[in-house]
Amino acid sequence: MTNNCLMNKSAFLIFMLLLALTACNPNQPTNLAQVLRADTAINALVPQKAVLEILDTNFVFVEGPVWKSDGSLLFSDIPADRIIRWHPVEAFSDYLNPSQQTNGLAYDKDNNLIMCSHGARAVIRQQADGTLTYLAHKYQGKRLNSPNDLVIASSGALYFTDPSWGLKDLEQSADKELSFNGVYVLLNDSLILIDSTLWRPNGITLSPDQRTLYVSDMFVNNVGNIKTLYQYTLDENGMPISKKLNTVTGASDEILRQEGGFDGIKTDIHGNLYCTGPHGIVVLNASGNYLGTIRTPLSPANCGWGDEDFKTLYITARRHVYRIRLNVQGFMPLREI
């Protein structure tokens, strides 16, 4: 055997060894997604060989991912008090530091960044020149609790949740001025209370026709295999005219047996719901039927659509940020499809 042949054989063996080691390494940033498929309908949404990519694992507690028009992702690291920007070429950098402990993020029709701020207990707008303006910080003369998440309709109506997560001692906080945790809409500069009966309203999103508002509630008795979503039917002005409770059960699915309710929620252009739940993204169809779960290494807190075609779901999960390519396009009211 010639020296060249021996060298080629050795190189091939080294390559195969490295490939095997890579496949066995659980710390690799890219892995085939683990998907619990309870209904075959999920196959049209999540590819059989979908890849869950880990973008980074060095944060404190991340939330509120939103896609930026320059091809980057913004998300909040609440305890670190900063908004982080990630770009596929430029990697990670600080976008706003300090950020007043922002949580949910969104862009309005004028491409201004709208932020739910725990630290300021307000919904804040950042204009192109960096100027910050409070859009909502009091209801009937009393300070809000800690605005958590938001969604902006194409009409400009801004819906947001206001639990007590950002207050020390939560509902028992001495700084809490309102007697309830609310769901609001900011409509034509008027702050209107939609619901004051939920325990801890959390994630919030709209259906593709923008006639249904979904709100997750991490209620105190949420144990076992029960997960709840409230849905509000909206009139032509964006105001709720009815309320319905959706209870999601799935005894055969180990994810839904985990304690804890849904956090952030999003919809796709067909009305399917993507709910951040214990240990994964719980996928429901537009009728609220359970389709399956995209498992994640850490329990996710929120998710958001991104990339040019809006077919990538970005997921914030405690210290981690993930992304996964899906077969379906995500929905955002102010994005032209």
C-alpha atoms as a PDB file:
ATOM      1  CA  MET A   1       0.000   0.000   0.000  1.00  0.00           C
ATOM      2  CA  THR A   2       1.424   3.404  -0.928  1.00  0.00           C
ATOM      3  CA  ASN A   3       2.103   6.163   1.558  1.00  0.00           C
ATOM      4  CA  ASN A   4      -0.636   8.286  -0.054  1.00  0.00           C
ATOM      5  CA  CYS A   5      -3.171   5.505   0.443  1.00  0.00           C
ATOM      6  CA  LEU A   6      -2.130   5.097   4.088  1.00  0.00           C
ATOM      7  CA  MET A   7      -2.455   8.835   4.653  1.00  0.00           C
ATOM      8  CA  ASN A   8      -5.875   8.914   3.009  1.00  0.00           C
ATOM      9  CA  LYS A   9      -7.043   5.949   5.073  1.00  0.00           C
ATOM     10  CA  SER A  10      -5.743   7.537   8.291  1.00  0.00           C
ATOM     11  CA  ALA A  11      -7.444  10.836   7.489  1.00  0.00           C
ATOM     12  CA  PHE A  12     -10.701   9.009   6.800  1.00  0.00           C
ATOM     13  CA  LEU A  13     -10.517   7.120  10.105  1.00  0.00           C
ATOM     14  CA  ILE A  14      -9.804  10.348  12.022  1.00  0.00           C
ATOM     15  CA  PHE A  15     -12.730  12.037  10.295  1.00  0.00           C
ATOM     16  CA  MET A  16     -15.091   9.187  11.214  1.00  0.00           C
ATOM     17  CA  LEU A  17     -13.866   9.218  14.816  1.00  0.00           C
ATOM     18  CA  LEU A  18     -14.474  12.958  15.116  1.00  0.00           C
ATOM     19  CA  LEU A  19     -17.909  12.547  13.566  1.00  0.00           C
ATOM     20  CA  ALA A  20     -18.801   9.861  16.097  1.00  0.00           C
ATOM     21  CA  LEU A  21     -17.563  11.958  18.996  1.00  0.00           C
ATOM     22  CA  THR A  22     -19.559  14.940  17.760  1.00  0.00           C
ATOM     23  CA  ALA A  23     -22.727  12.878  17.507  1.00  0.00           C
ATOM     24  CA  CYS A  24     -22.277  11.644  21.081  1.00  0.00           C
ATOM     25  CA  ASN A  25     -21.532  15.031  22.584  1.00  0.00           C
ATOM     26  CA  PRO A  26     -24.697  16.366  24.290  1.00  0.00           C
ATOM     27  CA  ASN A  27     -23.198  19.842  24.475  1.00  0.00           C
ATOM     28  CA  GLN A  28     -23.184  20.366  20.732  1.00  0.00           C
ATOM     29  CA  PRO A  29     -25.218  23.462  19.791  1.00  0.00           C
ATOM     30  CA  THR A  30     -27.288  21.626  17.163  1.00  0.00           C
ATOM     31  CA  ASN A  31     -29.381  18.518  17.742  1.00  0.00           C
ATOM     32  CA  LEU A  32     -32.370  16.830  16.206  1.00  0.00           C
ATOM     33  CA  ALA A  33     -35.397  18.159  18.047  1.00  0.00           C
ATOM     34  CA  GLN A  34     -37.264  15.812  20.355  1.00  0.00           C
ATOM     35  CA  VAL A  35     -40.911  16.137  19.377  1.00  0.00           C
ATOM     36  CA  LEU A  36     -43.784  14.407  21.156  1.00  0.00           C
ATOM     37  CA  ARG A  37     -46.315  13.917  18.362  1.00  0.00           C
ATOM     38  CA  ALA A  38     -49.763  13.370  19.868  1.00  0.00           C
ATOM     39  CA  ASP A  39     -51.642  14.132  16.641  1.00  0.00           C
ATOM     40  CA  THR A  40     -50.501  13.562  13.072  1.00  0.00           C
ATOM     41  CA  ALA A  41     -51.480  17.158  12.281  1.00  0.00           C
ATOM     42  CA  ILE A  42     -48.257  18.289  13.949  1.00  0.00           C
ATOM     43  CA  ASN A  43     -46.265  16.692  11.113  1.00  0.00           C
ATOM     44  CA  ALA A  44     -47.384  19.473   8.766  1.00  0.00           C
ATOM     45  CA  LEU A  45     -45.973  22.027  11.205  1.00  0.00           C
ATOM     46  CA  VAL A  46     -42.800  20.452  12.620  1.00  0.00           C
ATOM     47  CA  PRO A  47     -40.489  18.593  10.191  1.00  0.00           C
ATOM     48  CA  GLN A  48     -39.642  14.996  11.048  1.00  0.00           C
ATOM     49  CA  LYS A  49     -35.953  15.937  11.114  1.00  0.00           C
ATOM     50  CA  ALA A  50     -36.346  19.357  12.683  1.00  0.00           C
ATOM     51  CA  VAL A  51     -33.183  20.653  14.329  1.00  0.00           C
ATOM     52  CA  LEU A  52     -33.195  22.491  17.650  1.00  0.00           C
ATOM     53  CA  GLU A  53     -30.207  24.833  17.593  1.00  0.00           C
ATOM     54  CA  ILE A  54     -28.763  26.246  20.797  1.00  0.00           C
ATOM     55  CA  LEU A  55     -27.603  29.803  20.140  1.00  0.00           C
ATOM     56  CA  ASP A  56     -26.140  30.363  23.609  1.00  0.00           C
ATOM     57  CA  THR A  57     -26.444  29.170  27.207  1.00  0.00           C
ATOM     58  CA  ASN A  58     -24.832  31.994  29.190  1.00  0.00           C
ATOM     59  CA  PHE A  59     -27.724  34.215  30.247  1.00  0.00           C
ATOM     60  CA  VAL A  60     -29.573  34.667  33.536  1.00  0.00           C
ATOM     61  CA  PHE A  61     -33.299  34.549  32.660  1.00  0.00           C
ATOM     62  CA  VAL A  62     -34.247  35.520  29.115  1.00  0.00           C
ATOM     63  CA  GLU A  63     -37.631  36.575  27.770  1.00  0.00           C
ATOM     64  CA  GLY A  64     -39.521  38.502  25.093  1.00  0.00           C
ATOM     65  CA  PRO A  65     -37.842  37.561  21.764  1.00  0.00           C
ATOM     66  CA  VAL A  66     -38.782  39.812  18.840  1.00  0.00           C
ATOM     67  CA  TRP A  67     -37.420  39.914  15.284  1.00  0.00           C
ATOM     68  CA  LYS A  68     -35.866  43.195  14.175  1.00  0.00           C
ATOM     69  CA  SER A  69     -36.135  44.475  10.597  1.00  0.00           C
ATOM     70  CA  ASP A  70     -32.332  44.511  10.208  1.00  0.00           C
ATOM     71  CA  GLY A  71     -32.241  40.706  10.386  1.00  0.00           C
ATOM     72  CA  SER A  72     -31.453  40.392  14.075  1.00  0.00           C
ATOM     73  CA  LEU A  73     -33.213  39.187  17.211  1.00  0.00           C
ATOM     74  CA  LEU A  74     -33.804  41.218  20.355  1.00  0.00           C
ATOM     75  CA  PHE A  75     -34.613  39.639  23.713  1.00  0.00           C
ATOM     76  CA  SER A  76     -34.633  40.643  27.371  1.00  0.00           C
ATOM     77  CA  ASP A  77     -32.414  39.251  30.108  1.00  0.00           C
ATOM     78  CA  ILE A  78     -34.524  40.434  33.034  1.00  0.00           C
ATOM     79  CA  PRO A  79     -32.193  39.922  36.054  1.00  0.00           C
ATOM     80  CA  ALA A  80     -29.206  41.178  34.021  1.00  0.00           C
ATOM     81  CA  ASP A  81     -31.189  44.360  33.261  1.00  0.00           C
ATOM     82  CA  ARG A  82     -30.423  44.467  29.559  1.00  0.00           C
ATOM     83  CA  ILE A  83     -31.878  43.904  26.112  1.00  0.00           C
ATOM     84  CA  ILE A  84     -29.575  41.757  23.990  1.00  0.00           C
ATOM     85  CA  ARG A  85     -29.256  41.790  20.211  1.00  0.00           C
ATOM     86  CA  TRP A  86     -28.264  38.669  18.303  1.00  0.00           C
ATOM     87  CA  HIS A  87     -27.268  38.703  14.646  1.00  0.00           C
ATOM     88  CA  PRO A  88     -26.249  35.571  12.701  1.00  0.00           C
ATOM     89  CA  VAL A  89     -23.013  37.265  11.602  1.00  0.00           C
ATOM     90  CA  GLU A  90     -22.353  39.804  14.365  1.00  0.00           C
ATOM     91  CA  ALA A  91     -23.294  37.434  17.238  1.00  0.00           C
ATOM     92  CA  PHE A  92     -24.420  38.872  20.598  1.00  0.00           C
ATOM     93  CA  SER A  93     -24.214  42.464  21.803  1.00  0.00           C
ATOM     94  CA  ASP A  94     -25.998  44.786  24.201  1.00  0.00           C
ATOM     95  CA  TYR A  95     -28.872  46.675  22.618  1.00  0.00           C
ATOM     96  CA  LEU A  96     -30.020  48.511  25.769  1.00  0.00           C
ATOM     97  CA  ASN A  97     -28.129  48.395  29.049  1.00  0.00           C
ATOM     98  CA  PRO A  98     -29.576  49.138  31.549  1.00  0.00           C
ATOM     99  CA  SER A  99     -33.053  48.343  30.282  1.00  0.00           C
ATOM    100  CA  GLN A 100     -35.217  48.837  33.405  1.00  0.00           C
ATOM    101  CA  GLN A 101     -35.715  45.061  33.518  1.00  0.00           C
ATOM    102  CA  THR A 102     -37.774  44.699  30.380  1.00  0.00           C
ATOM    103  CA  ASN A 103     -39.738  41.558  29.626  1.00  0.00           C
ATOM    104  CA  GLY A 104     -41.986  41.375  26.529  1.00  0.00           C
ATOM    105  CA  LEU A 105     -40.927  43.285  23.407  1.00  0.00           C
ATOM    106  CA  ALA A 106     -42.737  44.245  20.182  1.00  0.00           C
ATOM    107  CA  TYR A 107     -42.540  46.730  17.322  1.00  0.00           C
ATOM    108  CA  ASP A 108     -45.340  49.169  16.517  1.00  0.00           C
ATOM    109  CA  LYS A 109     -46.485  50.300  13.055  1.00  0.00           C
ATOM    110  CA  ASP A 110     -43.824  53.033  13.044  1.00  0.00           C
ATOM    111  CA  ASN A 111     -41.087  50.492  13.835  1.00  0.00           C
ATOM    112  CA  ASN A 112     -40.603  51.825  17.360  1.00  0.00           C
ATOM    113  CA  LEU A 113     -39.635  49.252  19.978  1.00  0.00           C
ATOM    114  CA  ILE A 114     -42.342  48.812  22.636  1.00  0.00           C
ATOM    115  CA  MET A 115     -41.186  47.311  25.937  1.00  0.00           C
ATOM    116  CA  CYS A 116     -42.908  45.873  28.991  1.00  0.00           C
ATOM    117  CA  SER A 117     -40.767  47.042  31.889  1.00  0.00           C
ATOM    118  CA  HIS A 118     -40.760  45.417  35.315  1.00  0.00           C
ATOM    119  CA  GLY A 119     -38.371  48.008  36.712  1.00  0.00           C
ATOM    120  CA  ALA A 120     -40.354  51.034  35.544  1.00  0.00           C
ATOM    121  CA  ARG A 121     -43.707  49.254  36.023  1.00  0.00           C
ATOM    122  CA  ALA A 122     -44.702  50.625  32.646  1.00  0.00           C
ATOM    123  CA  VAL A 123     -45.140  50.020  28.951  1.00  0.00           C
ATOM    124  CA  ILE A 124     -42.450  52.096  27.248  1.00  0.00           C
ATOM    125  CA  ARG A 125     -41.829  53.186  23.661  1.00  0.00           C
ATOM    126  CA  GLN A 126     -38.301  53.668  22.330  1.00  0.00           C
ATOM    127  CA  GLN A 127     -38.215  55.888  19.261  1.00  0.00           C
ATOM    128  CA  ALA A 128     -35.578  55.790  16.533  1.00  0.00           C
ATOM    129  CA  ASP A 129     -33.467  58.465  18.269  1.00  0.00           C
ATOM    130  CA  GLY A 130     -33.485  56.461  21.516  1.00  0.00           C
ATOM    131  CA  THR A 131     -36.037  58.653  23.295  1.00  0.00           C
ATOM    132  CA  LEU A 132     -38.121  56.727  25.836  1.00  0.00           C
ATOM    133  CA  THR A 133     -41.801  57.547  26.389  1.00  0.00           C
ATOM    134  CA  TYR A 134     -44.187  55.980  28.915  1.00  0.00           C
ATOM    135  CA  LEU A 135     -47.299  54.744  27.120  1.00  0.00           C
ATOM    136  CA  ALA A 136     -48.930  53.257  30.224  1.00  0.00           C
ATOM    137  CA  HIS A 137     -47.802  53.305  33.838  1.00  0.00           C
ATOM    138  CA  LYS A 138     -50.946  54.028  35.884  1.00  0.00           C
ATOM    139  CA  TYR A 139     -54.535  52.840  35.907  1.00  0.00           C
ATOM    140  CA  GLN A 140     -57.049  55.129  37.599  1.00  0.00           C
ATOM    141  CA  GLY A 141     -54.211  56.928  39.366  1.00  0.00           C
ATOM    142  CA  LYS A 142     -52.531  53.769  40.702  1.00  0.00           C
ATOM    143  CA  ARG A 143     -49.236  52.367  39.453  1.00  0.00           C
ATOM    144  CA  LEU A 144     -49.304  49.231  37.344  1.00  0.00           C
ATOM    145  CA  ASN A 145     -47.798  46.061  38.832  1.00  0.00           C
ATOM    146  CA  SER A 146     -45.143  44.930  36.336  1.00  0.00           C
ATOM    147  CA  PRO A 147     -46.200  44.782  32.672  1.00  0.00           C
ATOM    148  CA  ASN A 148     -45.174  41.382  31.388  1.00  0.00           C
ATOM    149  CA  ASP A 149     -46.026  40.668  27.744  1.00  0.00           C
ATOM    150  CA  LEU A 150     -47.784  42.394  24.850  1.00  0.00           C
ATOM    151  CA  VAL A 151     -49.153  42.120  21.336  1.00  0.00           C
ATOM    152  CA  ILE A 152     -49.962  44.986  18.973  1.00  0.00           C
ATOM    153  CA  ALA A 153     -52.836  44.674  16.487  1.00  0.00           C
ATOM    154  CA  SER A 154     -52.591  46.057  12.967  1.00  0.00           C
ATOM    155  CA  SER A 155     -55.067  48.749  14.089  1.00  0.00           C
ATOM    156  CA  GLY A 156     -52.508  49.936  16.634  1.00  0.00           C
ATOM    157  CA  ALA A 157     -54.401  48.575  19.658  1.00  0.00           C
ATOM    158  CA  LEU A 158     -51.833  47.446  22.222  1.00  0.00           C
ATOM    159  CA  TYR A 159     -52.813  44.548  24.494  1.00  0.00           C
ATOM    160  CA  PHE A 160     -50.691  43.651  27.520  1.00  0.00           C
ATOM    161  CA  THR A 161     -50.694  41.632  30.727  1.00  0.00           C
ATOM    162  CA  ASP A 162     -49.821  43.049  34.140  1.00  0.00           C
ATOM    163  CA  PRO A 163     -49.111  40.372  36.776  1.00  0.00           C
ATOM    164  CA  SER A 164     -46.951  40.949  39.837  1.00  0.00           C
ATOM    165  CA  TRP A 165     -43.833  39.023  38.805  1.00  0.00           C
ATOM    166  CA  GLY A 166     -41.616  42.101  39.044  1.00  0.00           C
ATOM    167  CA  LEU A 167     -42.690  43.055  42.569  1.00  0.00           C
ATOM    168  CA  LYS A 168     -40.900  41.804  45.656  1.00  0.00           C
ATOM    169  CA  ASP A 169     -43.242  39.429  47.515  1.00  0.00           C
ATOM    170  CA  LEU A 170     -45.535  39.393  44.441  1.00  0.00           C
ATOM    171  CA  GLU A 171     -49.196  39.944  45.418  1.00  0.00           C
ATOM    172  CA  GLN A 172     -48.152  40.601  49.016  1.00  0.00           C
ATOM    173  CA  SER A 173     -45.772  43.375  47.992  1.00  0.00           C
ATOM    174  CA  ALA A 174     -46.014  46.610  49.945  1.00  0.00           C
ATOM    175  CA  ASP A 175     -45.447  48.393  46.632  1.00  0.00           C
ATOM    176  CA  LYS A 176     -48.502  46.881  44.942  1.00  0.00           C
ATOM    177  CA  GLU A 177     -51.118  49.600  44.441  1.00  0.00           C
ATOM    178  CA  LEU A 178     -53.752  47.743  42.410  1.00  0.00           C
ATOM    179  CA  SER A 179     -55.809  45.038  44.097  1.00  0.00           C
ATOM    180  CA  PHE A 180     -55.714  42.792  41.018  1.00  0.00           C
ATOM    181  CA  ASN A 181     -53.484  41.549  38.215  1.00  0.00           C
ATOM    182  CA  GLY A 182     -54.918  42.825  34.953  1.00  0.00           C
ATOM    183  CA  VAL A 183     -55.194  42.430  31.209  1.00  0.00           C
ATOM    184  CA  TYR A 184     -55.362  45.775  29.379  1.00  0.00           C
ATOM    185  CA  VAL A 185     -55.698  47.351  25.981  1.00  0.00           C
ATOM    186  CA  LEU A 186     -54.201  50.734  25.136  1.00  0.00           C
ATOM    187  CA  LEU A 187     -56.585  52.075  22.524  1.00  0.00           C
ATOM    188  CA  ASN A 188     -56.367  55.595  21.073  1.00  0.00           C
ATOM    189  CA  ASP A 189     -54.229  56.656  24.068  1.00  0.00           C
ATOM    190  CA  SER A 190     -56.863  55.371  26.525  1.00  0.00           C
ATOM    191  CA  LEU A 191     -55.915  52.582  28.935  1.00  0.00           C
ATOM    192  CA  ILE A 192     -58.845  50.168  29.249  1.00  0.00           C
ATOM    193  CA  LEU A 193     -59.048  47.237  31.664  1.00  0.00           C
ATOM    194  CA  ILE A 194     -60.143  44.036  29.896  1.00  0.00           C
ATOM    195  CA  ASP A 195     -60.033  41.561  32.784  1.00  0.00           C
ATOM    196  CA  SER A 196     -59.190  41.782  36.487  1.00  0.00           C
ATOM    197  CA  THR A 197     -60.147  38.221  37.449  1.00  0.00           C
ATOM    198  CA  LEU A 198     -57.120  36.191  36.315  1.00  0.00           C
ATOM    199  CA  TRP A 199     -54.606  35.041  38.907  1.00  0.00           C
ATOM    200  CA  ARG A 200     -51.384  35.835  37.050  1.00  0.00           C
ATOM    201  CA  PRO A 201     -52.084  36.735  33.411  1.00  0.00           C
ATOM    202  CA  ASN A 202     -48.933  36.061  31.464  1.00  0.00           C
ATOM    203  CA  GLY A 203     -48.570  35.375  27.727  1.00  0.00           C
ATOM    204  CA  ILE A 204     -50.771  37.172  25.202  1.00  0.00           C
ATOM    205  CA  THR A 205     -51.320  36.902  21.449  1.00  0.00           C
ATOM    206  CA  LEU A 206     -53.877  37.375  18.664  1.00  0.00           C
ATOM    207  CA  SER A 207     -55.463  35.033  16.131  1.00  0.00           C
ATOM    208  CA  PRO A 208     -54.604  35.692  12.459  1.00  0.00           C
ATOM    209  CA  ASP A 209     -57.989  37.396  11.843  1.00  0.00           C
ATOM    210  CA  GLN A 210     -57.342  39.497  14.982  1.00  0.00           C
ATOM    211  CA  ARG A 211     -60.813  38.771  16.313  1.00  0.00           C
ATOM    212  CA  THR A 212     -59.604  36.520  19.135  1.00  0.00           C
ATOM    213  CA  LEU A 213     -57.246  37.516  21.933  1.00  0.00           C
ATOM    214  CA  TYR A 214     -55.527  34.683  23.819  1.00  0.00           C
ATOM    215  CA  VAL A 215     -54.178  35.085  27.364  1.00  0.00           C
ATOM    216  CA  SER A 216     -52.416  32.439  29.451  1.00  0.00           C
ATOM    217  CA  ASP A 217     -52.961  32.386  33.205  1.00  0.00           C
ATOM    218  CA  MET A 218     -50.468  30.672  35.514  1.00  0.00           C
ATOM    219  CA  PHE A 219     -53.134  30.149  38.135  1.00  0.00           C
ATOM    220  CA  VAL A 220     -52.372  29.042  41.689  1.00  0.00           C
ATOM    221  CA  ASN A 221     -54.032  25.610  41.483  1.00  0.00           C
ATOM    222  CA  ASN A 222     -52.459  24.677  38.159  1.00  0.00           C
ATOM    223  CA  VAL A 223     -51.120  21.205  38.942  1.00  0.00           C
ATOM    224  CA  GLY A 224     -51.309  17.915  37.119  1.00  0.00           C
ATOM    225  CA  ASN A 225     -52.177  17.635  33.459  1.00  0.00           C
ATOM    226  CA  ILE A 226     -54.348  20.765  33.158  1.00  0.00           C
ATOM    227  CA  LYS A 227     -53.281  23.856  31.226  1.00  0.00           C
ATOM    228  CA  THR A 228     -55.517  26.825  30.595  1.00  0.00           C
ATOM    229  CA  LEU A 229     -55.890  29.565  28.039  1.00  0.00           C
ATOM    230  CA  TYR A 230     -58.510  32.264  28.027  1.00  0.00           C
ATOM    231  CA  GLN A 231     -59.781  33.518  24.714  1.00  0.00           C
ATOM    232  CA  TYR A 232     -61.647  36.786  24.237  1.00  0.00           C
ATOM    233  CA  THR A 233     -63.757  37.429  21.161  1.00  0.00           C
ATOM    234  CA  LEU A 234     -63.116  40.973  19.953  1.00  0.00           C
ATOM    235  CA  ASP A 235     -65.486  43.320  18.139  1.00  0.00           C
ATOM    236  CA  GLU A 236     -64.551  45.423  15.111  1.00  0.00           C
ATOM    237  CA  ASN A 237     -63.008  48.022  17.436  1.00  0.00           C
ATOM    238  CA  GLY A 238     -60.779  45.486  19.163  1.00  0.00           C
ATOM    239  CA  MET A 239     -62.811  45.383  22.374  1.00  0.00           C
ATOM    240  CA  PRO A 240     -63.759  42.057  24.024  1.00  0.00           C
ATOM    241  CA  ILE A 241     -67.401  40.982  23.800  1.00  0.00           C
ATOM    242  CA  SER A 242     -67.108  37.463  25.252  1.00  0.00           C
ATOM    243  CA  LYS A 243     -64.682  35.290  27.198  1.00  0.00           C
ATOM    244  CA  LYS A 244     -64.091  31.558  27.061  1.00  0.00           C
ATOM    245  CA  LEU A 245     -61.852  29.224  29.028  1.00  0.00           C
ATOM    246  CA  ASN A 246     -59.945  26.571  27.093  1.00  0.00           C
ATOM    247  CA  THR A 247     -58.704  23.697  29.221  1.00  0.00           C
ATOM    248  CA  VAL A 248     -55.961  21.636  27.599  1.00  0.00           C
ATOM    249  CA  THR A 249     -55.465  18.088  28.805  1.00  0.00           C
ATOM    250  CA  GLY A 250     -53.333  15.245  27.536  1.00  0.00           C
ATOM    251  CA  ALA A 251     -52.835  12.457  30.053  1.00  0.00           C
ATOM    252  CA  SER A 252     -50.727  10.426  27.614  1.00  0.00           C
ATOM    253  CA  ASP A 253     -48.164  13.197  27.282  1.00  0.00           C
ATOM    254  CA  GLU A 254     -45.482  13.427  29.961  1.00  0.00           C
ATOM    255  CA  ILE A 255     -45.021  17.159  29.305  1.00  0.00           C
ATOM    256  CA  LEU A 256     -48.605  18.062  30.126  1.00  0.00           C
ATOM    257  CA  ARG A 257     -48.368  16.130  33.378  1.00  0.00           C
ATOM    258  CA  GLN A 258     -45.701  18.541  34.584  1.00  0.00           C
ATOM    259  CA  GLU A 259     -46.771  21.222  37.053  1.00  0.00           C
ATOM    260  CA  GLY A 260     -46.995  24.785  35.794  1.00  0.00           C
ATOM    261  CA  GLY A 261     -49.073  26.739  33.314  1.00  0.00           C
ATOM    262  CA  PHE A 262     -48.309  28.316  29.981  1.00  0.00           C
ATOM    263  CA  ASP A 263     -46.078  31.370  29.811  1.00  0.00           C
ATOM    264  CA  GLY A 264     -45.499  33.179  26.484  1.00  0.00           C
ATOM    265  CA  ILE A 265     -47.723  32.234  23.530  1.00  0.00           C
ATOM    266  CA  LYS A 266     -47.679  32.847  19.767  1.00  0.00           C
ATOM    267  CA  THR A 267     -49.799  31.900  16.729  1.00  0.00           C
ATOM    268  CA  ASP A 268     -48.962  30.928  13.174  1.00  0.00           C
ATOM    269  CA  ILE A 269     -50.788  32.108  10.039  1.00  0.00           C
ATOM    270  CA  HIS A 270     -53.206  29.160  10.309  1.00  0.00           C
ATOM    271  CA  GLY A 271     -54.151  29.956  13.887  1.00  0.00           C
ATOM    272  CA  ASN A 272     -52.194  27.183  15.602  1.00  0.00           C
ATOM    273  CA  LEU A 273     -50.923  28.126  19.056  1.00  0.00           C
ATOM    274  CA  TYR A 274     -47.358  27.700  20.345  1.00  0.00           C
ATOM    275  CA  CYS A 275     -47.368  27.824  24.139  1.00  0.00           C
ATOM    276  CA  THR A 276     -44.269  27.848  26.302  1.00  0.00           C
ATOM    277  CA  GLY A 277     -44.955  25.228  28.939  1.00  0.00           C
ATOM    278  CA  PRO A 278     -43.024  22.914  31.215  1.00  0.00           C
ATOM    279  CA  HIS A 279     -40.049  21.550  29.270  1.00  0.00           C
ATOM    280  CA  GLY A 280     -41.184  22.542  25.817  1.00  0.00           C
ATOM    281  CA  ILE A 281     -43.342  24.326  23.276  1.00  0.00           C
ATOM    282  CA  VAL A 282     -46.873  22.924  23.529  1.00  0.00           C
ATOM    283  CA  VAL A 283     -48.597  23.089  20.125  1.00  0.00           C
ATOM    284  CA  LEU A 284     -52.391  23.414  19.875  1.00  0.00           C
ATOM    285  CA  ASN A 285     -54.576  23.824  16.822  1.00  0.00           C
ATOM    286  CA  ALA A 286     -56.941  26.779  16.405  1.00  0.00           C
ATOM    287  CA  SER A 287     -59.673  24.856  18.256  1.00  0.00           C
ATOM    288  CA  GLY A 288     -57.404  24.318  21.252  1.00  0.00           C
ATOM    289  CA  ASN A 289     -56.784  20.621  20.608  1.00  0.00           C
ATOM    290  CA  TYR A 290     -53.394  19.336  21.696  1.00  0.00           C
ATOM    291  CA  LEU A 291     -51.079  18.345  18.804  1.00  0.00           C
ATOM    292  CA  GLY A 292     -47.772  17.724  20.566  1.00  0.00           C
ATOM    293  CA  THR A 293     -44.736  19.235  22.244  1.00  0.00           C
ATOM    294  CA  ILE A 294     -41.362  20.415  20.949  1.00  0.00           C
ATOM    295  CA  ARG A 295     -39.079  19.498  23.843  1.00  0.00           C
ATOM    296  CA  THR A 296     -36.358  21.878  24.975  1.00  0.00           C
ATOM    297  CA  PRO A 297     -33.429  21.246  27.343  1.00  0.00           C
ATOM    298  CA  LEU A 298     -34.652  23.971  29.716  1.00  0.00           C
ATOM    299  CA  SER A 299     -38.240  25.073  30.277  1.00  0.00           C
ATOM    300  CA  PRO A 300     -39.041  27.953  27.901  1.00  0.00           C
ATOM    301  CA  ALA A 301     -40.525  31.259  29.020  1.00  0.00           C
ATOM    302  CA  ASN A 302     -41.376  32.792  25.644  1.00  0.00           C
ATOM    303  CA  CYS A 303     -40.987  32.445  21.894  1.00  0.00           C
ATOM    304  CA  GLY A 304     -41.152  34.606  18.792  1.00  0.00           C
ATOM    305  CA  TRP A 305     -41.052  34.242  15.017  1.00  0.00           C
ATOM    306  CA  GLY A 306     -38.085  35.333  12.961  1.00  0.00           C
ATOM    307  CA  ASP A 307     -35.903  35.105   9.864  1.00  0.00           C
ATOM    308  CA  GLU A 308     -36.917  36.628   6.554  1.00  0.00           C
ATOM    309  CA  ASP A 309     -39.680  34.096   5.900  1.00  0.00           C
ATOM    310  CA  PHE A 310     -40.886  33.999   9.531  1.00  0.00           C
ATOM    311  CA  LYS A 311     -40.619  30.201   9.619  1.00  0.00           C
ATOM    312  CA  THR A 312     -38.075  30.066  12.442  1.00  0.00           C
ATOM    313  CA  LEU A 313     -39.312  29.946  16.009  1.00  0.00           C
ATOM    314  CA  TYR A 314     -36.885  31.561  18.461  1.00  0.00           C
ATOM    315  CA  ILE A 315     -37.238  30.344  22.040  1.00  0.00           C
ATOM    316  CA  THR A 316     -36.011  31.946  25.264  1.00  0.00           C
ATOM    317  CA  ALA A 317     -35.589  29.381  28.047  1.00  0.00           C
ATOM    318  CA  ARG A 318     -34.051  30.448  31.339  1.00  0.00           C
ATOM    319  CA  ARG A 319     -30.293  30.672  30.556  1.00  0.00           C
ATOM    320  CA  HIS A 320     -30.669  29.426  26.968  1.00  0.00           C
ATOM    321  CA  VAL A 321     -31.768  30.736  23.584  1.00  0.00           C
ATOM    322  CA  TYR A 322     -32.856  28.227  20.904  1.00  0.00           C
ATOM    323  CA  ARG A 323     -34.220  28.312  17.391  1.00  0.00           C
ATOM    324  CA  ILE A 324     -36.014  25.749  15.255  1.00  0.00           C
ATOM    325  CA  ARG A 325     -37.078  25.846  11.600  1.00  0.00           C
ATOM    326  CA  LEU A 326     -40.709  24.878  11.040  1.00  0.00           C
ATOM    327  CA  ASN A 327     -42.879  24.195   7.997  1.00  0.00           C
ATOM    328  CA  VAL A 328     -45.304  27.005   8.748  1.00  0.00           C
ATOM    329  CA  GLN A 329     -45.065  30.790   8.752  1.00  0.00           C
ATOM    330  CA  GLY A 330     -45.531  32.631  12.007  1.00  0.00           C
ATOM    331  CA  PHE A 331     -48.117  35.362  12.499  1.00  0.00           C
ATOM    332  CA  MET A 332     -47.421  38.925  13.569  1.00  0.00           C
ATOM    333  CA  PRO A 333     -50.247  41.461  13.108  1.00  0.00           C
ATOM    334  CA  LEU A 334     -48.066  44.285  11.817  1.00  0.00           C
ATOM    335  CA  ARG A 335     -46.025  42.139   9.435  1.00  0.00           C
ATOM    336  CA  GLU A 336     -47.082  42.060   5.810  1.00  0.00           C
ATOM    337  CA  ILE A 337     -47.375  38.444   4.625  1.00  0.00           C
END
